[in-house]
Every structure is written in structure tokens, then in C-alpha cells.
Protein backbone atom coordinates (compact mmCIF):
# COMPACT_ATOMS: atom_id res chain seq x y z
CA MET A 1 24.25 -0.38 40.21
CA GLY A 2 21.49 -2.30 41.94
CA ALA A 3 19.30 -5.04 40.51
CA SER A 4 16.45 -2.56 39.94
CA MET A 5 18.69 -0.29 37.83
CA ASP A 6 20.04 -3.30 35.86
CA ASN A 7 16.46 -4.38 35.07
CA LYS A 8 15.51 -0.88 33.88
CA LEU A 9 18.60 -0.70 31.69
CA PHE A 10 17.84 -4.13 30.25
CA VAL A 11 14.22 -3.11 29.48
CA ALA A 12 15.41 0.16 27.91
CA ILE A 13 17.86 -1.70 25.65
CA ILE A 14 15.17 -4.18 24.60
CA LEU A 15 12.67 -1.38 23.83
CA LEU A 16 15.25 0.56 21.84
CA SER A 17 16.20 -2.52 19.86
CA ILE A 18 12.53 -3.17 19.05
CA PHE A 19 11.26 0.36 18.41
CA GLY A 20 14.32 2.52 17.87
CA GLY A 21 16.73 2.99 15.04
CA CYS A 22 14.47 4.38 12.31
CA SER A 23 15.59 7.96 12.06
CA LYS A 24 16.61 7.37 8.44
CA GLY A 25 16.12 4.33 6.29
CA VAL A 26 15.22 0.77 7.18
CA PRO A 27 14.47 0.20 10.88
CA SER A 28 16.95 -1.96 12.73
CA GLN A 29 14.27 -4.54 13.61
CA ALA A 30 13.39 -5.18 9.95
CA VAL A 31 14.48 -8.69 9.00
CA ASN A 32 14.45 -10.14 5.50
CA MET A 33 12.38 -13.33 5.32
CA ASP A 34 12.43 -16.49 3.22
CA LEU A 35 8.81 -17.59 3.58
CA ASN A 36 8.96 -20.75 1.46
CA SER A 37 12.44 -21.97 2.52
CA ASP A 38 13.91 -21.87 -1.00
CA GLY A 39 16.97 -19.88 0.08
CA LYS A 40 15.73 -16.62 -1.50
CA ASP A 41 14.33 -13.66 0.43
CA ASP A 42 10.60 -13.26 -0.24
CA VAL A 43 10.26 -10.15 1.96
CA PHE A 44 13.07 -7.61 2.10
CA TYR A 45 13.62 -3.94 2.91
CA GLU A 46 15.25 -0.99 1.16
CA SER A 47 15.82 2.62 2.17
CA ALA A 48 14.07 5.28 0.13
CA GLU A 49 16.48 6.72 -2.40
CA ASP A 50 14.87 10.16 -2.46
CA GLY A 51 16.49 11.28 0.80
CA SER A 52 13.33 10.78 2.86
CA THR A 53 13.37 9.03 6.21
CA GLY A 54 11.09 6.25 5.00
CA TYR A 55 11.73 2.78 3.68
CA TYR A 56 10.18 0.13 1.45
CA GLU A 57 9.04 -3.39 2.27
CA LEU A 58 9.18 -5.47 -0.92
CA SER A 59 7.44 -8.84 -1.17
CA ASP A 60 7.38 -11.73 -3.62
CA ARG A 61 3.96 -13.16 -2.70
CA ASN A 62 3.89 -16.00 -5.25
CA PHE A 63 7.58 -16.98 -4.91
CA ASP A 64 8.45 -16.49 -8.59
CA GLY A 65 11.43 -14.19 -7.92
CA SER A 66 9.61 -10.95 -8.86
CA VAL A 67 8.42 -8.28 -6.45
CA ASP A 68 4.59 -8.32 -6.35
CA GLN A 69 4.04 -5.84 -3.53
CA THR A 70 5.87 -2.70 -2.43
CA VAL A 71 4.83 -0.84 0.72
CA PHE A 72 6.34 2.53 1.63
CA PHE A 73 6.59 3.28 5.38
CA ASP A 74 7.43 6.61 6.99
CA SER A 75 9.99 7.03 9.79
CA GLN A 76 7.36 6.07 12.41
CA ASN A 77 6.76 2.75 10.59
CA LYS A 78 3.33 3.89 9.36
CA PRO A 79 2.35 2.61 5.91
CA ILE A 80 1.89 5.51 3.46
CA PHE A 81 1.15 3.67 0.22
CA ALA A 82 1.44 0.27 -1.41
CA ARG A 83 1.77 -0.82 -5.03
CA LEU A 84 0.59 -4.30 -5.94
CA ASP A 85 0.60 -6.77 -8.80
CA ASN A 86 -2.43 -8.87 -7.83
CA ASN A 87 -2.60 -11.05 -10.94
CA PHE A 88 1.18 -11.72 -10.96
CA ASP A 89 1.78 -10.54 -14.52
CA GLU A 90 4.67 -8.29 -13.35
CA ARG A 91 2.59 -5.15 -14.02
CA LEU A 92 1.26 -2.75 -11.41
CA ASP A 93 -2.51 -3.12 -11.13
CA SER A 94 -3.37 -1.64 -7.71
CA VAL A 95 -2.30 1.26 -5.52
CA VAL A 96 -3.36 1.57 -1.89
CA THR A 97 -2.98 4.73 0.22
CA TYR A 98 -3.02 4.86 4.01
CA GLU A 99 -3.53 7.44 6.73
CA ASN A 100 -2.90 6.63 10.40
CA TYR A 101 -2.64 2.91 9.59
CA ASN A 102 -6.05 2.90 7.83
CA ILE A 103 -6.61 2.33 4.13
CA THR A 104 -7.99 5.54 2.60
CA ARG A 105 -8.06 4.75 -1.11
CA VAL A 106 -7.46 1.95 -3.60
CA LEU A 107 -6.93 2.39 -7.36
CA ILE A 108 -7.30 -0.73 -9.51
CA ASP A 109 -6.59 -1.62 -13.14
CA THR A 110 -9.24 -4.31 -13.70
CA ASN A 111 -8.54 -5.02 -17.38
CA ALA A 112 -4.72 -5.24 -17.39
CA ASN A 113 -4.10 -2.25 -19.68
CA TRP A 114 -2.00 -0.24 -17.18
CA ILE A 115 -4.84 2.26 -16.73
CA PHE A 116 -6.61 2.55 -13.37
CA ASP A 117 -10.34 2.21 -14.02
CA SER A 118 -11.67 1.66 -10.51
CA GLU A 119 -11.40 3.63 -7.30
CA ILE A 120 -12.46 2.58 -3.81
CA LYS A 121 -12.56 5.14 -0.99
CA TYR A 122 -12.49 4.28 2.70
CA ASP A 123 -13.57 6.16 5.80
CA GLN A 124 -11.52 5.14 8.86
CA GLY A 125 -10.61 1.86 7.15
CA VAL A 126 -14.21 0.97 6.16
CA MET A 127 -15.30 0.97 2.52
CA ALA A 128 -17.36 4.13 1.86
CA SER A 129 -17.67 4.40 -1.94
CA SER A 130 -16.42 2.94 -5.17
CA THR A 131 -16.37 4.04 -8.78
CA HIS A 132 -15.76 1.86 -11.82
CA PHE A 133 -15.32 2.99 -15.43
CA GLU A 134 -16.41 0.59 -18.20
CA SER A 135 -14.32 1.51 -21.23
CA HIS A 136 -16.44 -0.39 -23.78
CA THR A 137 -19.61 1.56 -22.80
CA ASN A 138 -18.13 4.79 -21.36
CA LYS A 139 -20.31 4.22 -18.31
CA LEU A 140 -19.36 5.04 -14.78
CA THR A 141 -20.86 2.98 -11.98
CA GLU A 142 -20.79 4.42 -8.48
CA TYR A 143 -21.57 2.58 -5.28
CA LYS A 144 -22.08 3.96 -1.79
CA TYR A 145 -21.50 1.76 1.26
CA LYS A 146 -22.75 1.71 4.85
CA PHE A 147 -20.80 -0.39 7.33
CA GLY A 148 -18.78 -1.67 4.36
CA LEU A 149 -21.87 -3.01 2.53
CA PRO A 150 -23.35 -1.52 -0.68
CA TYR A 151 -26.64 0.31 -0.30
CA LEU A 152 -26.82 2.64 -3.31
CA SER A 153 -25.59 2.44 -6.89
CA ARG A 154 -25.98 4.52 -10.00
CA ASN A 155 -24.82 4.26 -13.59
CA MET A 156 -23.87 7.34 -15.59
CA GLU A 157 -22.78 7.84 -19.12
CA ILE A 158 -19.84 10.20 -19.22
CA GLU A 159 -17.88 12.03 -21.87
CA LYS A 160 -14.47 10.78 -20.69
CA THR A 161 -12.27 8.13 -22.17
CA GLU A 162 -10.71 5.50 -19.92
CA GLN A 163 -7.38 7.34 -20.12
CA GLU A 164 -9.01 10.62 -19.02
CA PHE A 165 -10.72 8.86 -16.11
CA HIS A 166 -7.35 7.30 -15.16
CA GLU A 167 -5.64 10.70 -15.28
CA SER A 168 -8.32 12.25 -13.06
CA LEU A 169 -7.70 9.47 -10.49
CA ASN A 170 -3.92 9.85 -10.68
CA SER A 171 -4.12 13.62 -10.24
CA LYS A 172 -5.55 12.97 -6.76
CA ILE A 173 -2.68 10.77 -5.62
CA GLN A 174 0.96 11.61 -4.97
CA LEU A 175 3.30 8.65 -5.39
CA ASN A 176 6.57 10.27 -6.26
CA ARG A 177 8.69 7.89 -4.20
């Protein structure tokens, strides 16, 4: 084998080690990380237990030992959805969905009652609209955005409870992993 062939083989091995190995489960290049040097992994990976070819990236963002963020990736390493605890109370308060690496939708529980009361929709990763339900007034506030900035809003009184609004949001999202 000549030097040219050795170089091509070397490059092929490097590329496979970087991008290959994700036919099922955690990709071979995924490395657990201890971000604050306390001897505990703050970012780690797990295979999906439902038999899919995806995997989870789990993160402890405030270094308290609890997972605060879970991101599910498909076999091509594309994020599909994320679940977050943004106020670090160990309760899910946000869900993010992705399509082709872009955020498409965010559901948020703004009052810590385990019920999503806000929805933000994105168009090609740019905020397009948002809806927020105020449970104490039964009012729905909608905003429309251009270039990610609000330009139109309207308030509506609706006949739904916060739980019904939450269920209508959840019926639009599939997170069975």
C-alpha cells in the first residue's frame, strides 16, 4: 500500500470514528462530561429503551445531582424533542420539539402546577406565534411575530379551564419515548 492509500485509510477511520457507529443507541463519539470537575458526570447518554435507534442526552445544568434537561436524538443525531426543568424544582416545566435541527414548538408551565399554559411556535427556527392561558381570568393572549419580534396581540376570553387548554396542547405533541 502506498502513502496515498494509507492517508485515505487513515481519513476514513477518523471519519467513521467521528460520524459512524449510531445505527442503534448512543453514538460512539458521545462522551460523558463532568463540567464542574466534582467527579460526577453532568452530561451523560443513554440508549432509548423503546427499541428505537435514538438516544438521550441527559444534563444536570445546575450541578445538584438531578437531571434538568433531557434531549432525544434520532439515529442521525438530530434532536427530536427536549424536556426541561428551567426553575430547578425537579419538575418538568418545558418541552421543546425540533424538525431538521430547528425548534418548531415550545410548551411551558409558567406557574409550576405541572400544566402547560403557554405555547410558542417557530417557523424555520424563528418565533412565529405564542399563546398564553391565564388561569385566574380564563383569558388567552395570542401574539404574532415577524422576524422574531411581536407585532400583533389579542386577548380572548375562552370557555376552557387551564387543564383543558393543557390537554389541547398535549394532544398536538407526541412524546412517547
